[in-house]
PDB file of N, CA and C in Angstrom:
ATOM      1  N   UNK A   1     167.524 107.891 123.402  1.00  0.00           N
ATOM      2  CA  UNK A   1     166.673 108.002 122.247  1.00  0.00           C
ATOM      3  C   UNK A   1     167.431 107.537 120.972  1.00  0.00           C
ATOM      4  N   UNK A   2     168.681 107.932 120.818  1.00  0.00           N
ATOM      5  CA  UNK A   2     169.457 107.527 119.664  1.00  0.00           C
ATOM      6  C   UNK A   2     169.676 106.020 119.646  1.00  0.00           C
ATOM      7  N   UNK A   3     169.832 105.445 120.828  1.00  0.00           N
ATOM      8  CA  UNK A   3     170.043 103.959 120.897  1.00  0.00           C
ATOM      9  C   UNK A   3     168.808 103.260 120.402  1.00  0.00           C
ATOM     10  N   UNK A   4     167.644 103.776 120.698  1.00  0.00           N
ATOM     11  CA  UNK A   4     166.388 103.146 120.283  1.00  0.00           C
ATOM     12  C   UNK A   4     166.289 103.230 118.733  1.00  0.00           C
ATOM     13  N   UNK A   5     166.620 104.349 118.154  1.00  0.00           N
ATOM     14  CA  UNK A   5     166.604 104.492 116.701  1.00  0.00           C
ATOM     15  C   UNK A   5     167.578 103.534 116.018  1.00  0.00           C
ATOM     16  N   UNK A   6     168.757 103.405 116.588  1.00  0.00           N
ATOM     17  CA  UNK A   6     169.748 102.482 116.017  1.00  0.00           C
ATOM     18  C   UNK A   6     169.236 101.058 116.120  1.00  0.00           C
ATOM     19  N   UNK A   7     168.609 100.723 117.285  1.00  0.00           N
ATOM     20  CA  UNK A   7     168.082  99.370 117.454  1.00  0.00           C
ATOM     21  C   UNK A   7     166.951  99.098 116.448  1.00  0.00           C
ATOM     22  N   UNK A   8     166.092 100.097 116.209  1.00  0.00           N
ATOM     23  CA  UNK A   8     165.026  99.905 115.216  1.00  0.00           C
ATOM     24  C   UNK A   8     165.555  99.742 113.791  1.00  0.00           C
ATOM     25  N   UNK A   9     166.610 100.426 113.467  1.00  0.00           N
ATOM     26  CA  UNK A   9     167.252 100.264 112.092  1.00  0.00           C
ATOM     27  C   UNK A   9     167.785  98.863 112.020  1.00  0.00           C
ATOM     28  N   UNK A  10     168.467  98.375 113.042  1.00  0.00           N
ATOM     29  CA  UNK A  10     169.020  97.009 113.027  1.00  0.00           C
ATOM     30  C   UNK A  10     167.917  95.968 112.894  1.00  0.00           C
ATOM     31  N   UNK A  11     166.863  96.113 113.660  1.00  0.00           N
ATOM     32  CA  UNK A  11     165.716  95.160 113.615  1.00  0.00           C
ATOM     33  C   UNK A  11     165.067  95.217 112.251  1.00  0.00           C
ATOM     34  N   UNK A  12     164.886  96.400 111.688  1.00  0.00           N
ATOM     35  CA  UNK A  12     164.282  96.538 110.347  1.00  0.00           C
ATOM     36  C   UNK A  12     165.132  95.869 109.251  1.00  0.00           C
ATOM     37  N   UNK A  13     166.399  96.038 109.347  1.00  0.00           N
ATOM     38  CA  UNK A  13     167.310  95.389 108.381  1.00  0.00           C
ATOM     39  C   UNK A  13     167.249  93.907 108.502  1.00  0.00           C
ATOM     40  N   UNK A  14     167.256  93.388 109.707  1.00  0.00           N
ATOM     41  CA  UNK A  14     167.155  91.943 109.953  1.00  0.00           C
ATOM     42  C   UNK A  14     165.861  91.391 109.418  1.00  0.00           C
ATOM     43  N   UNK A  15     164.748  92.083 109.677  1.00  0.00           N
ATOM     44  CA  UNK A  15     163.411  91.626 109.185  1.00  0.00           C
ATOM     45  C   UNK A  15     163.384  91.644 107.659  1.00  0.00           C
ATOM     46  N   UNK A  16     163.955  92.644 107.021  1.00  0.00           N
ATOM     47  CA  UNK A  16     164.006  92.710 105.563  1.00  0.00           C
ATOM     48  C   UNK A  16     164.770  91.582 104.947  1.00  0.00           C
ATOM     49  N   UNK A  17     165.902  91.237 105.597  1.00  0.00           N
ATOM     50  CA  UNK A  17     166.714  90.124 105.118  1.00  0.00           C
ATOM     51  C   UNK A  17     165.978  88.781 105.272  1.00  0.00           C
ATOM     52  N   UNK A  18     165.262  88.630 106.416  1.00  0.00           N
ATOM     53  CA  UNK A  18     164.504  87.395 106.637  1.00  0.00           C
ATOM     54  C   UNK A  18     163.402  87.245 105.645  1.00  0.00           C
ATOM     55  N   UNK A  19     162.705  88.347 105.306  1.00  0.00           N
ATOM     56  CA  UNK A  19     161.637  88.271 104.291  1.00  0.00           C
ATOM     57  C   UNK A  19     162.188  87.907 102.936  1.00  0.00           C
ATOM     58  N   UNK A  20     163.336  88.401 102.574  1.00  0.00           N
ATOM     59  CA  UNK A  20     163.954  88.067 101.301  1.00  0.00           C
ATOM     60  C   UNK A  20     164.341  86.573 101.283  1.00  0.00           C
ATOM     61  N   UNK A  21     164.833  86.048 102.391  1.00  0.00           N
ATOM     62  CA  UNK A  21     165.177  84.628 102.493  1.00  0.00           C
ATOM     63  C   UNK A  21     163.933  83.740 102.367  1.00  0.00           C
ATOM     64  N   UNK A  22     162.823  84.156 103.013  1.00  0.00           N
ATOM     65  CA  UNK A  22     161.603  83.347 102.910  1.00  0.00           C
ATOM     66  C   UNK A  22     161.091  83.377 101.476  1.00  0.00           C
ATOM     67  N   UNK A  23     161.152  84.485 100.798  1.00  0.00           N
ATOM     68  CA  UNK A  23     160.731  84.539  99.390  1.00  0.00           C
ATOM     69  C   UNK A  23     161.579  83.660  98.500  1.00  0.00           C
ATOM     70  N   UNK A  24     162.858  83.612  98.767  1.00  0.00           N
ATOM     71  CA  UNK A  24     163.744  82.753  97.972  1.00  0.00           C
ATOM     72  C   UNK A  24     163.445  81.279  98.233  1.00  0.00           C
ATOM     73  N   UNK A  25     163.153  80.932  99.479  1.00  0.00           N
ATOM     74  CA  UNK A  25     162.804  79.523  99.804  1.00  0.00           C
ATOM     75  C   UNK A  25     161.491  79.112  99.130  1.00  0.00           C
ATOM     76  N   UNK A  26     160.512  80.006  99.070  1.00  0.00           N
ATOM     77  CA  UNK A  26     159.258  79.714  98.463  1.00  0.00           C
ATOM     78  C   UNK A  26     159.440  79.465  96.935  1.00  0.00           C
ATOM     79  N   UNK A  27     160.246  80.291  96.303  1.00  0.00           N
ATOM     80  CA  UNK A  27     160.476  80.146  94.866  1.00  0.00           C
ATOM     81  C   UNK A  27     161.238  78.839  94.587  1.00  0.00           C
ATOM     82  N   UNK A  28     162.219  78.539  95.434  1.00  0.00           N
ATOM     83  CA  UNK A  28     162.975  77.317  95.295  1.00  0.00           C
ATOM     84  C   UNK A  28     162.098  76.090  95.483  1.00  0.00           C
ATOM     85  N   UNK A  29     161.151  76.183  96.407  1.00  0.00           N
ATOM     86  CA  UNK A  29     160.213  75.069  96.678  1.00  0.00           C
ATOM     87  C   UNK A  29     159.394  74.741  95.442  1.00  0.00           C
ATOM     88  N   UNK A  30     158.917  75.700  94.715  1.00  0.00           N
ATOM     89  CA  UNK A  30     158.082  75.415  93.538  1.00  0.00           C
ATOM     90  C   UNK A  30     158.936  74.772  92.438  1.00  0.00           C
ATOM     91  N   UNK A  31     160.209  75.158  92.324  1.00  0.00           N
ATOM     92  CA  UNK A  31     161.105  74.526  91.387  1.00  0.00           C
ATOM     93  C   UNK A  31     161.370  73.066  91.685  1.00  0.00           C
ATOM     94  N   UNK A  32     161.540  72.781  93.000  1.00  0.00           N
ATOM     95  CA  UNK A  32     161.745  71.398  93.440  1.00  0.00           C
ATOM     96  C   UNK A  32     160.496  70.567  93.157  1.00  0.00           C
ATOM     97  N   UNK A  33     159.348  71.125  93.387  1.00  0.00           N
ATOM     98  CA  UNK A  33     158.095  70.392  93.128  1.00  0.00           C
ATOM     99  C   UNK A  33     157.964  70.034  91.639  1.00  0.00           C
ATOM    100  N   UNK A  34     158.274  70.967  90.779  1.00  0.00           N
ATOM    101  CA  UNK A  34     158.236  70.725  89.382  1.00  0.00           C
ATOM    102  C   UNK A  34     159.220  69.668  88.928  1.00  0.00           C
ATOM    103  N   UNK A  35     160.445  69.717  89.497  1.00  0.00           N
ATOM    104  CA  UNK A  35     161.461  68.731  89.171  1.00  0.00           C
ATOM    105  C   UNK A  35     161.028  67.341  89.651  1.00  0.00           C
ATOM    106  N   UNK A  36     160.442  67.256  90.833  1.00  0.00           N
ATOM    107  CA  UNK A  36     160.024  65.977  91.374  1.00  0.00           C
ATOM    108  C   UNK A  36     158.893  65.377  90.471  1.00  0.00           C
ATOM    109  N   UNK A  37     157.935  66.200  90.087  1.00  0.00           N
ATOM    110  CA  UNK A  37     156.849  65.680  89.267  1.00  0.00           C
ATOM    111  C   UNK A  37     157.301  65.299  87.877  1.00  0.00           C
ATOM    112  N   UNK A  38     158.252  66.069  87.308  1.00  0.00           N
ATOM    113  CA  UNK A  38     158.804  65.730  85.994  1.00  0.00           C
ATOM    114  C   UNK A  38     159.575  64.397  86.082  1.00  0.00           C
ATOM    115  N   UNK A  39     160.289  64.192  87.172  1.00  0.00           N
ATOM    116  CA  UNK A  39     160.992  62.938  87.392  1.00  0.00           C
ATOM    117  C   UNK A  39     160.000  61.767  87.464  1.00  0.00           C
ATOM    118  N   UNK A  40     158.912  61.967  88.149  1.00  0.00           N
ATOM    119  CA  UNK A  40     157.862  60.943  88.218  1.00  0.00           C
ATOM    120  C   UNK A  40     157.333  60.573  86.834  1.00  0.00           C
ATOM    121  N   UNK A  41     157.081  61.618  85.994  1.00  0.00           N
ATOM    122  CA  UNK A  41     156.532  61.381  84.658  1.00  0.00           C
ATOM    123  C   UNK A  41     157.537  60.557  83.811  1.00  0.00           C
ATOM    124  N   UNK A  42     158.781  60.913  83.869  1.00  0.00           N
ATOM    125  CA  UNK A  42     159.784  60.105  83.099  1.00  0.00           C
ATOM    126  C   UNK A  42     159.911  58.704  83.643  1.00  0.00           C
ATOM    127  N   UNK A  43     159.942  58.553  84.960  1.00  0.00           N
ATOM    128  CA  UNK A  43     159.995  57.199  85.544  1.00  0.00           C
ATOM    129  C   UNK A  43     158.779  56.384  85.198  1.00  0.00           C
ATOM    130  N   UNK A  44     157.625  57.020  85.186  1.00  0.00           N
ATOM    131  CA  UNK A  44     156.358  56.286  84.845  1.00  0.00           C
ATOM    132  C   UNK A  44     156.487  55.668  83.412  1.00  0.00           C
ATOM    133  N   UNK A  45     156.964  56.441  82.460  1.00  0.00           N
ATOM    134  CA  UNK A  45     157.077  55.990  81.078  1.00  0.00           C
ATOM    135  C   UNK A  45     158.112  54.853  80.993  1.00  0.00           C
ATOM    136  N   UNK A  46     159.246  55.005  81.655  1.00  0.00           N
ATOM    137  CA  UNK A  46     160.267  53.974  81.580  1.00  0.00           C
ATOM    138  C   UNK A  46     159.782  52.686  82.251  1.00  0.00           C
ATOM    139  N   UNK A  47     159.049  52.820  83.374  1.00  0.00           N
ATOM    140  CA  UNK A  47     158.473  51.670  84.036  1.00  0.00           C
ATOM    141  C   UNK A  47     157.414  50.977  83.195  1.00  0.00           C
ATOM    142  N   UNK A  48     156.598  51.786  82.500  1.00  0.00           N
ATOM    143  CA  UNK A  48     155.590  51.243  81.588  1.00  0.00           C
ATOM    144  C   UNK A  48     156.227  50.373  80.495  1.00  0.00           C
ATOM    145  N   UNK A  49     157.340  50.810  79.969  1.00  0.00           N
ATOM    146  CA  UNK A  49     158.049  50.061  78.945  1.00  0.00           C
ATOM    147  C   UNK A  49     158.587  48.754  79.550  1.00  0.00           C
ATOM    148  N   UNK A  50     159.214  48.867  80.694  1.00  0.00           N
ATOM    149  CA  UNK A  50     159.807  47.708  81.328  1.00  0.00           C
ATOM    150  C   UNK A  50     158.770  46.656  81.776  1.00  0.00           C
ATOM    151  N   UNK A  51     157.720  47.084  82.405  1.00  0.00           N
ATOM    152  CA  UNK A  51     156.714  46.143  82.889  1.00  0.00           C
ATOM    153  C   UNK A  51     155.847  45.574  81.741  1.00  0.00           C
ATOM    154  N   UNK A  52     155.650  46.385  80.707  1.00  0.00           N
ATOM    155  CA  UNK A  52     154.842  45.931  79.581  1.00  0.00           C
ATOM    156  C   UNK A  52     155.675  45.075  78.598  1.00  0.00           C
ATOM    157  N   UNK A  53     156.963  44.972  78.915  1.00  0.00           N
ATOM    158  CA  UNK A  53     157.887  44.191  78.085  1.00  0.00           C
ATOM    159  C   UNK A  53     157.817  44.680  76.612  1.00  0.00           C
ATOM    160  N   UNK A  54     157.757  45.989  76.454  1.00  0.00           N
ATOM    161  CA  UNK A  54     157.679  46.625  75.122  1.00  0.00           C
ATOM    162  C   UNK A  54     159.005  46.558  74.434  1.00  0.00           C
ATOM    163  N   UNK A  55     159.004  46.444  73.150  1.00  0.00           N
ATOM    164  CA  UNK A  55     160.195  46.611  72.303  1.00  0.00           C
ATOM    165  C   UNK A  55     159.966  47.843  71.491  1.00  0.00           C
ATOM    166  N   UNK A  56     160.300  49.031  72.024  1.00  0.00           N
ATOM    167  CA  UNK A  56     159.975  50.265  71.309  1.00  0.00           C
ATOM    168  C   UNK A  56     160.696  50.400  69.973  1.00  0.00           C
ATOM    169  N   UNK A  57     159.964  50.963  69.026  1.00  0.00           N
ATOM    170  CA  UNK A  57     160.550  51.237  67.706  1.00  0.00           C
ATOM    171  C   UNK A  57     161.570  52.366  67.788  1.00  0.00           C
ATOM    172  N   UNK A  58     162.620  52.247  66.970  1.00  0.00           N
ATOM    173  CA  UNK A  58     163.637  53.295  66.970  1.00  0.00           C
ATOM    174  C   UNK A  58     163.018  54.566  66.347  1.00  0.00           C
ATOM    175  N   UNK A  59     163.308  55.676  67.012  1.00  0.00           N
ATOM    176  CA  UNK A  59     162.757  56.935  66.576  1.00  0.00           C
ATOM    177  C   UNK A  59     162.420  57.830  67.774  1.00  0.00           C
ATOM    178  N   UNK A  60     161.602  58.835  67.556  1.00  0.00           N
ATOM    179  CA  UNK A  60     161.240  59.718  68.656  1.00  0.00           C
ATOM    180  C   UNK A  60     159.754  60.024  68.557  1.00  0.00           C
ATOM    181  N   UNK A  61     159.161  60.364  69.680  1.00  0.00           N
ATOM    182  CA  UNK A  61     157.802  60.787  69.742  1.00  0.00           C
ATOM    183  C   UNK A  61     157.611  61.735  70.919  1.00  0.00           C
ATOM    184  N   UNK A  62     156.548  62.498  70.848  1.00  0.00           N
ATOM    185  CA  UNK A  62     156.250  63.477  71.899  1.00  0.00           C
ATOM    186  C   UNK A  62     154.845  63.211  72.380  1.00  0.00           C
ATOM    187  N   UNK A  63     154.629  63.440  73.702  1.00  0.00           N
ATOM    188  CA  UNK A  63     153.308  63.233  74.263  1.00  0.00           C
ATOM    189  C   UNK A  63     153.189  64.043  75.550  1.00  0.00           C
ATOM    190  N   UNK A  64     151.925  64.276  75.920  1.00  0.00           N
ATOM    191  CA  UNK A  64     151.667  65.017  77.166  1.00  0.00           C
ATOM    192  C   UNK A  64     151.787  64.034  78.337  1.00  0.00           C
ATOM    193  N   UNK A  65     152.378  64.502  79.424  1.00  0.00           N
ATOM    194  CA  UNK A  65     152.591  63.615  80.574  1.00  0.00           C
ATOM    195  C   UNK A  65     152.342  64.403  81.874  1.00  0.00           C
ATOM    196  N   UNK A  66     151.211  64.979  82.016  1.00  0.00           N
ATOM    197  CA  UNK A  66     150.915  65.802  83.186  1.00  0.00           C
ATOM    198  C   UNK A  66     150.947  64.965  84.453  1.00  0.00           C
ATOM    199  N   UNK A  67     151.388  65.614  85.518  1.00  0.00           N
ATOM    200  CA  UNK A  67     151.395  65.064  86.855  1.00  0.00           C
ATOM    201  C   UNK A  67     150.611  65.984  87.778  1.00  0.00           C
ATOM    202  N   UNK A  68     149.541  65.459  88.355  1.00  0.00           N
ATOM    203  CA  UNK A  68     148.696  66.334  89.215  1.00  0.00           C
ATOM    204  C   UNK A  68     148.161  67.490  88.434  1.00  0.00           C
ATOM    205  N   UNK A  69     148.329  68.686  88.975  1.00  0.00           N
ATOM    206  CA  UNK A  69     147.863  69.893  88.263  1.00  0.00           C
ATOM    207  C   UNK A  69     148.941  70.566  87.447  1.00  0.00           C
ATOM    208  N   UNK A  70     150.068  69.870  87.264  1.00  0.00           N
ATOM    209  CA  UNK A  70     151.220  70.439  86.525  1.00  0.00           C
ATOM    210  C   UNK A  70     151.236  69.869  85.101  1.00  0.00           C
ATOM    211  N   UNK A  71     150.945  70.709  84.096  1.00  0.00           N
ATOM    212  CA  UNK A  71     151.000  70.210  82.719  1.00  0.00           C
ATOM    213  C   UNK A  71     152.471  70.079  82.282  1.00  0.00           C
ATOM    214  N   UNK A  72     152.807  68.865  81.792  1.00  0.00           N
ATOM    215  CA  UNK A  72     154.181  68.599  81.338  1.00  0.00           C
ATOM    216  C   UNK A  72     154.162  67.996  79.948  1.00  0.00           C
ATOM    217  N   UNK A  73     155.277  68.123  79.243  1.00  0.00           N
ATOM    218  CA  UNK A  73     155.391  67.600  77.897  1.00  0.00           C
ATOM    219  C   UNK A  73     156.621  66.677  77.855  1.00  0.00           C
ATOM    220  N   UNK A  74     156.435  65.448  77.429  1.00  0.00           N
ATOM    221  CA  UNK A  74     157.499  64.477  77.376  1.00  0.00           C
ATOM    222  C   UNK A  74     157.924  64.196  75.948  1.00  0.00           C
ATOM    223  N   UNK A  75     159.193  63.951  75.757  1.00  0.00           N
ATOM    224  CA  UNK A  75     159.733  63.503  74.467  1.00  0.00           C
ATOM    225  C   UNK A  75     160.542  62.224  74.691  1.00  0.00           C
ATOM    226  N   UNK A  76     160.229  61.202  73.925  1.00  0.00           N
ATOM    227  CA  UNK A  76     160.890  59.899  74.064  1.00  0.00           C
ATOM    228  C   UNK A  76     161.733  59.652  72.806  1.00  0.00           C
ATOM    229  N   UNK A  77     163.015  59.327  73.016  1.00  0.00           N
ATOM    230  CA  UNK A  77     163.899  59.009  71.890  1.00  0.00           C
ATOM    231  C   UNK A  77     164.416  57.619  72.123  1.00  0.00           C
ATOM    232  N   UNK A  78     164.210  56.783  71.111  1.00  0.00           N
ATOM    233  CA  UNK A  78     164.680  55.393  71.150  1.00  0.00           C
ATOM    234  C   UNK A  78     165.780  55.240  70.128  1.00  0.00           C
ATOM    235  N   UNK A  79     166.897  54.691  70.580  1.00  0.00           N
ATOM    236  CA  UNK A  79     168.003  54.490  69.658  1.00  0.00           C
ATOM    237  C   UNK A  79     168.553  53.068  69.834  1.00  0.00           C
ATOM    238  N   UNK A  80     169.267  52.603  68.847  1.00  0.00           N
ATOM    239  CA  UNK A  80     169.859  51.282  68.930  1.00  0.00           C
ATOM    240  C   UNK A  80     171.145  51.287  69.772  1.00  0.00           C
ATOM    241  N   UNK A  81     171.595  50.141  70.085  1.00  0.00           N
ATOM    242  CA  UNK A  81     172.855  49.961  70.857  1.00  0.00           C
ATOM    243  C   UNK A  81     173.742  49.023  70.029  1.00  0.00           C
ATOM    244  N   UNK A  82     175.014  48.890  70.416  1.00  0.00           N
ATOM    245  CA  UNK A  82     175.850  47.934  69.674  1.00  0.00           C
ATOM    246  C   UNK A  82     175.330  46.537  69.718  1.00  0.00           C
ATOM    247  N   UNK A  83     174.620  46.163  70.776  1.00  0.00           N
ATOM    248  CA  UNK A  83     174.002  44.857  70.874  1.00  0.00           C
ATOM    249  C   UNK A  83     172.590  44.956  70.317  1.00  0.00           C
ATOM    250  N   UNK A  84     172.223  44.222  69.251  1.00  0.00           N
ATOM    251  CA  UNK A  84     170.938  44.356  68.628  1.00  0.00           C
ATOM    252  C   UNK A  84     169.767  43.895  69.507  1.00  0.00           C
ATOM    253  N   UNK A  85     170.043  43.267  70.611  1.00  0.00           N
ATOM    254  CA  UNK A  85     168.975  42.806  71.491  1.00  0.00           C
ATOM    255  C   UNK A  85     168.616  43.814  72.569  1.00  0.00           C
ATOM    256  N   UNK A  86     169.234  45.009  72.517  1.00  0.00           N
ATOM    257  CA  UNK A  86     168.931  46.055  73.443  1.00  0.00           C
ATOM    258  C   UNK A  86     168.691  47.383  72.739  1.00  0.00           C
ATOM    259  N   UNK A  87     167.859  48.193  73.340  1.00  0.00           N
ATOM    260  CA  UNK A  87     167.615  49.587  72.862  1.00  0.00           C
ATOM    261  C   UNK A  87     167.738  50.550  73.971  1.00  0.00           C
ATOM    262  N   UNK A  88     168.195  51.732  73.656  1.00  0.00           N
ATOM    263  CA  UNK A  88     168.319  52.819  74.617  1.00  0.00           C
ATOM    264  C   UNK A  88     167.128  53.737  74.487  1.00  0.00           C
ATOM    265  N   UNK A  89     166.447  53.942  75.622  1.00  0.00           N
ATOM    266  CA  UNK A  89     165.225  54.806  75.645  1.00  0.00           C
ATOM    267  C   UNK A  89     165.567  56.006  76.537  1.00  0.00           C
ATOM    268  N   UNK A  90     165.376  57.200  76.012  1.00  0.00           N
ATOM    269  CA  UNK A  90     165.633  58.410  76.720  1.00  0.00           C
ATOM    270  C   UNK A  90     164.359  59.233  76.760  1.00  0.00           C
ATOM    271  N   UNK A  91     163.930  59.583  77.975  1.00  0.00           N
ATOM    272  CA  UNK A  91     162.705  60.389  78.168  1.00  0.00           C
ATOM    273  C   UNK A  91     163.108  61.727  78.731  1.00  0.00           C
ATOM    274  N   UNK A  92     162.764  62.807  78.023  1.00  0.00           N
ATOM    275  CA  UNK A  92     163.012  64.175  78.462  1.00  0.00           C
ATOM    276  C   UNK A  92     161.680  64.810  78.769  1.00  0.00           C
ATOM    277  N   UNK A  93     161.650  65.572  79.879  1.00  0.00           N
ATOM    278  CA  UNK A  93     160.389  66.208  80.298  1.00  0.00           C
ATOM    279  C   UNK A  93     160.597  67.727  80.303  1.00  0.00           C
ATOM    280  N   UNK A  94     159.658  68.421  79.667  1.00  0.00           N
ATOM    281  CA  UNK A  94     159.687  69.893  79.535  1.00  0.00           C
ATOM    282  C   UNK A  94     158.448  70.482  80.231  1.00  0.00           C
ATOM    283  N   UNK A  95     158.551  71.789  80.549  1.00  0.00           N
ATOM    284  CA  UNK A  95     157.425  72.452  81.228  1.00  0.00           C
ATOM    285  C   UNK A  95     156.211  72.528  80.316  1.00  0.00           C
ATOM    286  N   UNK A  96     156.407  72.735  79.007  1.00  0.00           N
ATOM    287  CA  UNK A  96     155.318  72.710  78.041  1.00  0.00           C
ATOM    288  C   UNK A  96     155.864  72.391  76.667  1.00  0.00           C
ATOM    289  N   UNK A  97     155.009  72.221  75.668  1.00  0.00           N
ATOM    290  CA  UNK A  97     155.403  71.730  74.372  1.00  0.00           C
ATOM    291  C   UNK A  97     156.346  72.739  73.691  1.00  0.00           C
ATOM    292  N   UNK A  98     156.290  74.015  73.983  1.00  0.00           N
ATOM    293  CA  UNK A  98     157.123  75.030  73.313  1.00  0.00           C
ATOM    294  C   UNK A  98     158.341  75.377  74.110  1.00  0.00           C
ATOM    295  N   UNK A  99     158.547  74.751  75.244  1.00  0.00           N
ATOM    296  CA  UNK A  99     159.663  75.094  76.121  1.00  0.00           C
ATOM    297  C   UNK A  99     160.974  74.510  75.654  1.00  0.00           C
ATOM    298  N   UNK A 100     162.019  75.276  75.771  1.00  0.00           N
ATOM    299  CA  UNK A 100     163.385  74.826  75.456  1.00  0.00           C
ATOM    300  C   UNK A 100     164.034  74.316  76.747  1.00  0.00           C
ATOM    301  N   UNK A 101     163.448  74.624  77.865  1.00  0.00           N
ATOM    302  CA  UNK A 101     164.053  74.294  79.172  1.00  0.00           C
ATOM    303  C   UNK A 101     163.647  72.875  79.562  1.00  0.00           C
ATOM    304  N   UNK A 102     164.601  71.984  79.525  1.00  0.00           N
ATOM    305  CA  UNK A 102     164.340  70.573  79.970  1.00  0.00           C
ATOM    306  C   UNK A 102     164.420  70.508  81.447  1.00  0.00           C
ATOM    307  N   UNK A 103     163.386  69.943  82.086  1.00  0.00           N
ATOM    308  CA  UNK A 103     163.372  69.824  83.511  1.00  0.00           C
ATOM    309  C   UNK A 103     164.142  68.580  83.974  1.00  0.00           C
ATOM    310  N   UNK A 104     163.910  67.476  83.282  1.00  0.00           N
ATOM    311  CA  UNK A 104     164.595  66.233  83.659  1.00  0.00           C
ATOM    312  C   UNK A 104     164.813  65.368  82.405  1.00  0.00           C
ATOM    313  N   UNK A 105     165.845  64.549  82.426  1.00  0.00           N
ATOM    314  CA  UNK A 105     166.176  63.668  81.388  1.00  0.00           C
ATOM    315  C   UNK A 105     166.587  62.309  81.977  1.00  0.00           C
ATOM    316  N   UNK A 106     165.866  61.232  81.661  1.00  0.00           N
ATOM    317  CA  UNK A 106     166.173  59.934  82.200  1.00  0.00           C
ATOM    318  C   UNK A 106     166.339  58.951  81.044  1.00  0.00           C
ATOM    319  N   UNK A 107     167.237  58.009  81.190  1.00  0.00           N
ATOM    320  CA  UNK A 107     167.396  57.017  80.106  1.00  0.00           C
ATOM    321  C   UNK A 107     167.595  55.623  80.730  1.00  0.00           C
ATOM    322  N   UNK A 108     167.263  54.607  79.962  1.00  0.00           N
ATOM    323  CA  UNK A 108     167.469  53.240  80.367  1.00  0.00           C
ATOM    324  C   UNK A 108     167.660  52.382  79.129  1.00  0.00           C
ATOM    325  N   UNK A 109     168.298  51.255  79.329  1.00  0.00           N
ATOM    326  CA  UNK A 109     168.491  50.311  78.266  1.00  0.00           C
ATOM    327  C   UNK A 109     167.459  49.216  78.414  1.00  0.00           C
ATOM    328  N   UNK A 110     166.757  48.895  77.337  1.00  0.00           N
ATOM    329  CA  UNK A 110     165.618  47.942  77.363  1.00  0.00           C
ATOM    330  C   UNK A 110     166.003  46.706  76.567  1.00  0.00           C
ATOM    331  N   UNK A 111     165.828  45.514  77.202  1.00  0.00           N
ATOM    332  CA  UNK A 111     166.113  44.280  76.487  1.00  0.00           C
ATOM    333  C   UNK A 111     164.896  43.861  75.620  1.00  0.00           C
ATOM    334  N   UNK A 112     165.149  43.103  74.583  1.00  0.00           N
ATOM    335  CA  UNK A 112     164.094  42.540  73.784  1.00  0.00           C
ATOM    336  C   UNK A 112     163.543  41.328  74.511  1.00  0.00           C
ATOM    337  N   UNK A 113     162.388  41.469  75.132  1.00  0.00           N
ATOM    338  CA  UNK A 113     161.830  40.403  75.963  1.00  0.00           C
ATOM    339  C   UNK A 113     161.045  39.360  75.145  1.00  0.00           C
ATOM    340  N   UNK A 114     160.972  39.506  73.864  1.00  0.00           N
ATOM    341  CA  UNK A 114     160.190  38.591  73.017  1.00  0.00           C
ATOM    342  C   UNK A 114     161.010  37.486  72.442  1.00  0.00           C
TER     343      UNK A 114
END
């Protein structure tokens, strides 16, 4: 009888640990999904600049850049480079407009295609 009780305690402890691990994996999965979609938003803007052969003005601007059902907020900063024929474009993606937590930050150097 004592052996059965000890076995039940061991099984209960193992099940509790496995439930905690599954909960952690689920939470981590939603974070990975948000990071992937934020990366897509930043890549979309950088690709739009590259394919549209845009010469973005130096400065910064903010805009909404939702992906799927995830509302995201993007900030684009354009700065000069030592070579006047190139500009550096940096796109940062946040969870929302008031968020201080940046999900992703991508940058690229854009040539003046004109």
